[in-house]
Amino acid sequence: MATTYPGGCFCGAVQFNVTGEPVGMGYCHCESCRRWSAGPVNAFTLWKPEAVKITKGADNIGTYHKTENSYRKWCKTCGGHIFTDHPGMGLIDVYAAVIPGLPFKPGVHVHYQETVLHIKDGVPKMKDVPKEMGGSGAVLPD
């Protein structure tokens, strides 16, 4: 039986469950994610859309999309960031910080060429993203 992990926004007005295992977990260093998260790096977990279920506050979710690649979602009450829908990849990035019970095991750093916070952790550093996601697949030194 698949494990279900509850999550939610900062104030709790929006709550959700993710079920099963994420497709991937890691850190994004791109300028867009850094600015959106107001931090030097964004910890992500990628899920198939059917694994993500809003359980409370669906009408309280705001959406912003600067590009067609990313539909960023947040709670309209507290402004807490929840996830980013990536329709081109067919995946939803649920921010690791909003799923407190999920054992976060990063497998990759993406867009590391844009980093402002160098992390020496032995986890592969992709110049952009893996080839299967439309990137170069190039790996940078740790």
N, C-alpha and C. Protein backbone atom coordinates (compact mmCIF):
# COMPACT_ATOMS: atom_id res chain seq x y z
N MET A 1 0.84 -1.19 0.00
CA MET A 1 0.00 0.00 0.00
C MET A 1 0.88 1.25 0.00
N ALA A 2 0.54 2.20 -0.82
CA ALA A 2 1.33 3.43 -0.97
C ALA A 2 1.16 4.33 0.26
N THR A 3 2.24 4.97 0.64
CA THR A 3 2.23 5.90 1.77
C THR A 3 1.67 7.24 1.30
N THR A 4 0.85 7.84 2.16
CA THR A 4 0.30 9.17 1.90
C THR A 4 0.91 10.14 2.89
N TYR A 5 1.37 11.29 2.36
CA TYR A 5 1.98 12.32 3.19
C TYR A 5 1.11 13.58 3.13
N PRO A 6 0.66 14.09 4.28
CA PRO A 6 -0.10 15.34 4.27
C PRO A 6 0.83 16.54 4.16
N GLY A 7 0.30 17.60 3.58
CA GLY A 7 1.04 18.84 3.48
C GLY A 7 0.09 20.01 3.46
N GLY A 8 0.64 21.20 3.47
CA GLY A 8 -0.22 22.38 3.43
C GLY A 8 0.58 23.66 3.41
N CYS A 9 -0.17 24.73 3.26
CA CYS A 9 0.44 26.06 3.23
C CYS A 9 0.84 26.49 4.64
N PHE A 10 1.38 27.66 4.76
CA PHE A 10 1.88 28.21 6.02
C PHE A 10 0.79 28.33 7.08
N CYS A 11 -0.42 28.78 6.69
CA CYS A 11 -1.49 28.99 7.67
C CYS A 11 -2.43 27.80 7.81
N GLY A 12 -2.36 26.84 6.88
CA GLY A 12 -3.22 25.67 6.95
C GLY A 12 -4.53 25.80 6.20
N ALA A 13 -4.78 26.95 5.58
CA ALA A 13 -6.03 27.12 4.83
C ALA A 13 -6.08 26.20 3.61
N VAL A 14 -4.92 25.88 3.05
CA VAL A 14 -4.84 24.94 1.93
C VAL A 14 -4.09 23.70 2.43
N GLN A 15 -4.73 22.55 2.25
CA GLN A 15 -4.10 21.30 2.66
C GLN A 15 -4.22 20.30 1.51
N PHE A 16 -3.30 19.36 1.49
CA PHE A 16 -3.26 18.38 0.41
C PHE A 16 -2.58 17.12 0.90
N ASN A 17 -2.69 16.08 0.10
CA ASN A 17 -1.96 14.84 0.32
C ASN A 17 -1.18 14.51 -0.94
N VAL A 18 -0.02 13.94 -0.77
CA VAL A 18 0.71 13.33 -1.89
C VAL A 18 0.82 11.85 -1.54
N THR A 19 0.63 11.00 -2.53
CA THR A 19 0.60 9.56 -2.28
C THR A 19 1.60 8.84 -3.16
N GLY A 20 2.30 7.89 -2.55
CA GLY A 20 3.28 7.11 -3.27
C GLY A 20 4.66 7.69 -3.09
N GLU A 21 5.45 7.58 -4.15
CA GLU A 21 6.81 8.11 -4.13
C GLU A 21 6.93 9.19 -5.21
N PRO A 22 7.67 10.25 -4.94
CA PRO A 22 7.87 11.26 -5.97
C PRO A 22 8.69 10.69 -7.13
N VAL A 23 8.50 11.27 -8.30
CA VAL A 23 9.26 10.90 -9.49
C VAL A 23 10.73 11.29 -9.30
N GLY A 24 10.95 12.38 -8.58
CA GLY A 24 12.30 12.86 -8.31
C GLY A 24 12.29 13.88 -7.20
N MET A 25 13.46 14.08 -6.61
CA MET A 25 13.63 15.08 -5.56
C MET A 25 15.00 15.73 -5.75
N GLY A 26 15.08 16.99 -5.46
CA GLY A 26 16.36 17.65 -5.59
C GLY A 26 16.27 19.12 -5.26
N TYR A 27 17.24 19.85 -5.80
CA TYR A 27 17.34 21.28 -5.56
C TYR A 27 17.39 22.01 -6.89
N CYS A 28 16.63 23.09 -6.99
CA CYS A 28 16.70 23.93 -8.19
C CYS A 28 17.40 25.23 -7.83
N HIS A 29 18.34 25.62 -8.68
CA HIS A 29 19.14 26.82 -8.47
C HIS A 29 18.81 27.91 -9.48
N CYS A 30 17.77 27.73 -10.30
CA CYS A 30 17.48 28.73 -11.34
C CYS A 30 17.01 30.04 -10.71
N GLU A 31 17.23 31.10 -11.43
CA GLU A 31 16.89 32.43 -10.95
C GLU A 31 15.40 32.55 -10.67
N SER A 32 14.55 31.94 -11.49
CA SER A 32 13.10 32.02 -11.27
C SER A 32 12.70 31.37 -9.95
N CYS A 33 13.19 30.18 -9.69
CA CYS A 33 12.86 29.49 -8.42
C CYS A 33 13.41 30.24 -7.22
N ARG A 34 14.63 30.77 -7.37
CA ARG A 34 15.21 31.52 -6.26
C ARG A 34 14.36 32.75 -5.93
N ARG A 35 13.95 33.47 -6.97
CA ARG A 35 13.16 34.67 -6.72
C ARG A 35 11.78 34.31 -6.18
N TRP A 36 11.16 33.26 -6.72
CA TRP A 36 9.84 32.85 -6.26
C TRP A 36 9.90 32.41 -4.80
N SER A 37 10.92 31.65 -4.43
CA SER A 37 11.01 31.12 -3.06
C SER A 37 11.64 32.11 -2.09
N ALA A 38 12.22 33.20 -2.61
CA ALA A 38 12.92 34.19 -1.78
C ALA A 38 14.06 33.54 -1.01
N GLY A 39 14.71 32.57 -1.65
CA GLY A 39 15.83 31.88 -1.03
C GLY A 39 16.90 31.59 -2.05
N PRO A 40 18.07 31.16 -1.61
CA PRO A 40 19.17 30.91 -2.53
C PRO A 40 19.04 29.60 -3.31
N VAL A 41 18.09 28.72 -2.91
CA VAL A 41 17.89 27.44 -3.58
C VAL A 41 16.48 26.96 -3.23
N ASN A 42 15.88 26.17 -4.10
CA ASN A 42 14.54 25.65 -3.87
C ASN A 42 14.57 24.12 -3.84
N ALA A 43 14.13 23.53 -2.73
CA ALA A 43 14.06 22.06 -2.62
C ALA A 43 12.73 21.61 -3.23
N PHE A 44 12.82 20.70 -4.21
CA PHE A 44 11.62 20.26 -4.92
C PHE A 44 11.39 18.76 -4.77
N THR A 45 10.10 18.40 -4.92
CA THR A 45 9.71 17.00 -5.07
C THR A 45 8.76 16.98 -6.26
N LEU A 46 9.00 16.10 -7.21
CA LEU A 46 8.19 16.03 -8.42
C LEU A 46 7.23 14.85 -8.35
N TRP A 47 5.98 15.11 -8.65
CA TRP A 47 4.92 14.10 -8.54
C TRP A 47 4.09 14.07 -9.82
N LYS A 48 3.55 12.91 -10.15
CA LYS A 48 2.55 12.80 -11.20
C LYS A 48 1.29 13.47 -10.67
N PRO A 49 0.55 14.17 -11.52
CA PRO A 49 -0.63 14.91 -11.05
C PRO A 49 -1.63 14.06 -10.25
N GLU A 50 -1.79 12.80 -10.63
CA GLU A 50 -2.77 11.96 -9.91
C GLU A 50 -2.32 11.63 -8.49
N ALA A 51 -1.07 11.87 -8.13
CA ALA A 51 -0.57 11.60 -6.78
C ALA A 51 -0.81 12.78 -5.83
N VAL A 52 -1.24 13.93 -6.37
CA VAL A 52 -1.45 15.13 -5.58
C VAL A 52 -2.95 15.41 -5.48
N LYS A 53 -3.48 15.43 -4.26
CA LYS A 53 -4.90 15.68 -4.04
C LYS A 53 -5.08 16.81 -3.04
N ILE A 54 -5.77 17.88 -3.46
CA ILE A 54 -6.10 18.97 -2.55
C ILE A 54 -7.23 18.47 -1.65
N THR A 55 -7.06 18.59 -0.34
CA THR A 55 -8.07 18.11 0.61
C THR A 55 -8.82 19.25 1.30
N LYS A 56 -8.28 20.46 1.20
CA LYS A 56 -8.94 21.61 1.83
C LYS A 56 -8.45 22.88 1.13
N GLY A 57 -9.38 23.79 0.86
CA GLY A 57 -9.01 25.11 0.38
C GLY A 57 -8.68 25.22 -1.10
N ALA A 58 -9.20 24.35 -1.94
CA ALA A 58 -8.89 24.41 -3.38
C ALA A 58 -9.26 25.78 -3.96
N ASP A 59 -10.33 26.38 -3.48
CA ASP A 59 -10.76 27.69 -3.97
C ASP A 59 -9.88 28.83 -3.43
N ASN A 60 -8.97 28.50 -2.55
CA ASN A 60 -8.09 29.50 -1.94
C ASN A 60 -6.67 29.46 -2.54
N ILE A 61 -6.54 28.78 -3.68
CA ILE A 61 -5.23 28.67 -4.33
C ILE A 61 -5.13 29.68 -5.46
N GLY A 62 -4.12 30.52 -5.39
CA GLY A 62 -3.84 31.48 -6.46
C GLY A 62 -2.83 30.88 -7.43
N THR A 63 -2.85 31.38 -8.66
CA THR A 63 -1.94 30.88 -9.70
C THR A 63 -1.30 32.04 -10.43
N TYR A 64 -0.01 31.89 -10.70
CA TYR A 64 0.71 32.86 -11.52
C TYR A 64 1.59 32.08 -12.48
N HIS A 65 1.57 32.47 -13.75
CA HIS A 65 2.49 31.84 -14.70
C HIS A 65 3.14 32.91 -15.57
N LYS A 66 4.44 33.03 -15.34
CA LYS A 66 5.27 33.95 -16.12
C LYS A 66 5.50 33.36 -17.51
N THR A 67 5.61 32.02 -17.54
CA THR A 67 5.77 31.30 -18.80
C THR A 67 4.80 30.11 -18.79
N GLU A 68 4.62 29.49 -19.93
CA GLU A 68 3.75 28.32 -20.02
C GLU A 68 4.38 27.08 -19.39
N ASN A 69 5.66 27.16 -18.99
CA ASN A 69 6.35 26.02 -18.39
C ASN A 69 6.01 25.81 -16.92
N SER A 70 5.61 26.88 -16.24
CA SER A 70 5.45 26.82 -14.79
C SER A 70 4.24 27.62 -14.33
N TYR A 71 3.30 26.93 -13.69
CA TYR A 71 2.14 27.57 -13.08
C TYR A 71 2.34 27.48 -11.57
N ARG A 72 2.78 28.58 -10.98
CA ARG A 72 3.12 28.62 -9.56
C ARG A 72 1.86 28.86 -8.73
N LYS A 73 1.72 28.09 -7.65
CA LYS A 73 0.51 28.11 -6.83
C LYS A 73 0.84 28.52 -5.40
N TRP A 74 -0.08 29.28 -4.80
CA TRP A 74 0.12 29.73 -3.43
C TRP A 74 -1.24 29.89 -2.74
N CYS A 75 -1.21 30.00 -1.42
CA CYS A 75 -2.41 30.22 -0.63
C CYS A 75 -2.77 31.71 -0.68
N LYS A 76 -4.02 32.01 -1.01
CA LYS A 76 -4.47 33.40 -1.09
C LYS A 76 -4.58 34.05 0.30
N THR A 77 -4.64 33.26 1.36
CA THR A 77 -4.75 33.81 2.71
C THR A 77 -3.39 34.22 3.26
N CYS A 78 -2.43 33.29 3.29
CA CYS A 78 -1.14 33.58 3.92
C CYS A 78 -0.03 33.87 2.92
N GLY A 79 -0.28 33.60 1.64
CA GLY A 79 0.75 33.81 0.63
C GLY A 79 1.76 32.68 0.57
N GLY A 80 1.56 31.65 1.39
CA GLY A 80 2.49 30.52 1.42
C GLY A 80 2.52 29.77 0.09
N HIS A 81 3.72 29.55 -0.41
CA HIS A 81 3.90 28.82 -1.66
C HIS A 81 3.63 27.35 -1.43
N ILE A 82 2.96 26.72 -2.41
CA ILE A 82 2.55 25.33 -2.24
C ILE A 82 3.21 24.42 -3.28
N PHE A 83 3.01 24.74 -4.55
CA PHE A 83 3.60 23.92 -5.60
C PHE A 83 3.64 24.66 -6.93
N THR A 84 4.30 24.04 -7.89
CA THR A 84 4.35 24.55 -9.26
C THR A 84 3.94 23.42 -10.20
N ASP A 85 2.95 23.70 -11.02
CA ASP A 85 2.52 22.74 -12.03
C ASP A 85 3.39 22.95 -13.27
N HIS A 86 3.99 21.87 -13.76
CA HIS A 86 4.81 21.90 -14.97
C HIS A 86 4.09 21.07 -16.04
N PRO A 87 3.13 21.68 -16.76
CA PRO A 87 2.33 20.89 -17.71
C PRO A 87 3.16 20.24 -18.82
N GLY A 88 4.21 20.87 -19.27
CA GLY A 88 5.04 20.30 -20.34
C GLY A 88 5.74 19.03 -19.91
N MET A 89 6.05 18.92 -18.64
CA MET A 89 6.69 17.71 -18.11
C MET A 89 5.66 16.72 -17.59
N GLY A 90 4.42 17.18 -17.43
CA GLY A 90 3.39 16.31 -16.86
C GLY A 90 3.63 16.03 -15.39
N LEU A 91 4.24 16.99 -14.68
CA LEU A 91 4.59 16.80 -13.27
C LEU A 91 4.22 18.04 -12.45
N ILE A 92 4.04 17.81 -11.15
CA ILE A 92 3.81 18.90 -10.21
C ILE A 92 4.97 18.90 -9.22
N ASP A 93 5.59 20.06 -9.06
CA ASP A 93 6.65 20.25 -8.08
C ASP A 93 5.99 20.71 -6.79
N VAL A 94 5.94 19.81 -5.81
CA VAL A 94 5.44 20.17 -4.48
C VAL A 94 6.68 20.50 -3.66
N TYR A 95 6.75 21.73 -3.17
CA TYR A 95 7.94 22.17 -2.44
C TYR A 95 8.17 21.27 -1.23
N ALA A 96 9.38 20.79 -1.08
CA ALA A 96 9.71 19.84 -0.02
C ALA A 96 9.33 20.38 1.36
N ALA A 97 9.47 21.67 1.57
CA ALA A 97 9.21 22.25 2.89
C ALA A 97 7.74 22.18 3.30
N VAL A 98 6.82 21.99 2.36
CA VAL A 98 5.40 21.96 2.71
C VAL A 98 4.88 20.54 2.90
N ILE A 99 5.78 19.54 2.84
CA ILE A 99 5.44 18.14 3.12
C ILE A 99 6.33 17.69 4.27
N PRO A 100 6.02 18.10 5.50
CA PRO A 100 6.94 17.88 6.62
C PRO A 100 7.28 16.41 6.91
N GLY A 101 6.40 15.49 6.61
CA GLY A 101 6.65 14.09 6.93
C GLY A 101 7.37 13.31 5.86
N LEU A 102 7.56 13.89 4.69
CA LEU A 102 8.23 13.19 3.59
C LEU A 102 9.73 13.14 3.84
N PRO A 103 10.32 11.95 3.82
CA PRO A 103 11.79 11.87 3.94
C PRO A 103 12.42 12.43 2.66
N PHE A 104 12.99 13.60 2.75
CA PHE A 104 13.56 14.27 1.57
C PHE A 104 14.94 13.69 1.28
N LYS A 105 15.06 13.09 0.09
CA LYS A 105 16.32 12.48 -0.34
C LYS A 105 16.68 13.05 -1.72
N PRO A 106 17.39 14.18 -1.76
CA PRO A 106 17.69 14.81 -3.04
C PRO A 106 18.57 13.94 -3.92
N GLY A 107 18.21 13.87 -5.19
CA GLY A 107 18.98 13.07 -6.13
C GLY A 107 19.74 13.89 -7.15
N VAL A 108 19.45 15.20 -7.21
CA VAL A 108 20.06 16.03 -8.24
C VAL A 108 19.93 17.50 -7.89
N HIS A 109 20.88 18.28 -8.37
CA HIS A 109 20.78 19.74 -8.37
C HIS A 109 20.56 20.12 -9.84
N VAL A 110 19.53 20.93 -10.12
CA VAL A 110 19.29 21.37 -11.50
C VAL A 110 19.56 22.87 -11.63
N HIS A 111 19.89 23.28 -12.84
CA HIS A 111 20.24 24.67 -13.16
C HIS A 111 21.38 25.18 -12.28
N TYR A 112 22.35 24.29 -12.02
CA TYR A 112 23.45 24.65 -11.13
C TYR A 112 24.35 25.74 -11.72
N GLN A 113 24.32 25.92 -13.03
CA GLN A 113 25.11 27.00 -13.62
C GLN A 113 24.66 28.37 -13.12
N GLU A 114 23.45 28.46 -12.56
CA GLU A 114 22.92 29.72 -12.06
C GLU A 114 23.05 29.87 -10.54
N THR A 115 23.70 28.91 -9.88
CA THR A 115 23.71 28.90 -8.42
C THR A 115 24.34 30.16 -7.82
N VAL A 116 23.83 30.52 -6.66
CA VAL A 116 24.44 31.58 -5.84
C VAL A 116 24.88 30.99 -4.50
N LEU A 117 24.57 29.70 -4.30
CA LEU A 117 24.94 29.01 -3.07
C LEU A 117 25.55 27.66 -3.46
N HIS A 118 26.87 27.60 -3.44
CA HIS A 118 27.56 26.36 -3.82
C HIS A 118 27.42 25.35 -2.69
N ILE A 119 27.00 24.15 -3.05
CA ILE A 119 26.76 23.09 -2.08
C ILE A 119 27.61 21.88 -2.45
N LYS A 120 28.47 21.48 -1.56
CA LYS A 120 29.33 20.31 -1.79
C LYS A 120 28.73 19.15 -1.00
N ASP A 121 27.86 18.39 -1.67
CA ASP A 121 27.16 17.30 -0.99
C ASP A 121 27.25 15.96 -1.72
N GLY A 122 28.00 15.92 -2.82
CA GLY A 122 28.14 14.68 -3.56
C GLY A 122 26.95 14.36 -4.46
N VAL A 123 25.92 15.18 -4.45
CA VAL A 123 24.75 14.99 -5.30
C VAL A 123 25.07 15.60 -6.67
N PRO A 124 24.75 14.91 -7.78
CA PRO A 124 25.07 15.43 -9.12
C PRO A 124 24.53 16.85 -9.35
N LYS A 125 25.38 17.68 -9.98
CA LYS A 125 25.04 19.07 -10.29
C LYS A 125 24.84 19.20 -11.80
N MET A 126 23.60 19.35 -12.23
CA MET A 126 23.29 19.48 -13.65
C MET A 126 23.45 20.94 -14.08
N LYS A 127 24.07 21.15 -15.23
CA LYS A 127 24.20 22.50 -15.78
C LYS A 127 22.80 23.11 -15.92
N ASP A 128 21.88 22.35 -16.49
CA ASP A 128 20.49 22.78 -16.62
C ASP A 128 19.61 21.67 -16.07
N VAL A 129 19.05 20.83 -16.94
CA VAL A 129 18.24 19.69 -16.50
C VAL A 129 18.65 18.46 -17.29
N PRO A 130 18.23 17.28 -16.81
CA PRO A 130 18.55 16.05 -17.55
C PRO A 130 18.00 16.06 -18.98
N LYS A 131 18.67 15.31 -19.87
CA LYS A 131 18.25 15.24 -21.28
C LYS A 131 16.79 14.85 -21.41
N GLU A 132 16.34 13.88 -20.60
CA GLU A 132 14.95 13.42 -20.70
C GLU A 132 13.93 14.49 -20.33
N MET A 133 14.40 15.59 -19.75
CA MET A 133 13.53 16.72 -19.43
C MET A 133 13.77 17.89 -20.38
N GLY A 134 14.53 17.65 -21.45
CA GLY A 134 14.76 18.68 -22.45
C GLY A 134 16.03 19.48 -22.26
N GLY A 135 16.87 19.10 -21.32
CA GLY A 135 18.10 19.84 -21.06
C GLY A 135 19.30 19.24 -21.77
N SER A 136 20.46 19.76 -21.43
CA SER A 136 21.70 19.30 -22.06
C SER A 136 22.19 17.99 -21.44
N GLY A 137 21.81 17.74 -20.20
CA GLY A 137 22.31 16.56 -19.49
C GLY A 137 23.72 16.73 -18.97
N ALA A 138 24.31 17.92 -19.18
CA ALA A 138 25.68 18.17 -18.73
C ALA A 138 25.75 18.26 -17.22
N VAL A 139 26.77 17.59 -16.66
CA VAL A 139 27.00 17.59 -15.22
C VAL A 139 28.21 18.47 -14.92
N LEU A 140 28.08 19.31 -13.90
CA LEU A 140 29.15 20.21 -13.47
C LEU A 140 29.88 19.61 -12.28
N PRO A 141 31.10 20.05 -12.03
CA PRO A 141 31.85 19.51 -10.88
C PRO A 141 31.20 19.91 -9.55
N ASP A 142 31.38 19.03 -8.57
CA ASP A 142 30.86 19.29 -7.22
C ASP A 142 31.72 20.36 -6.59
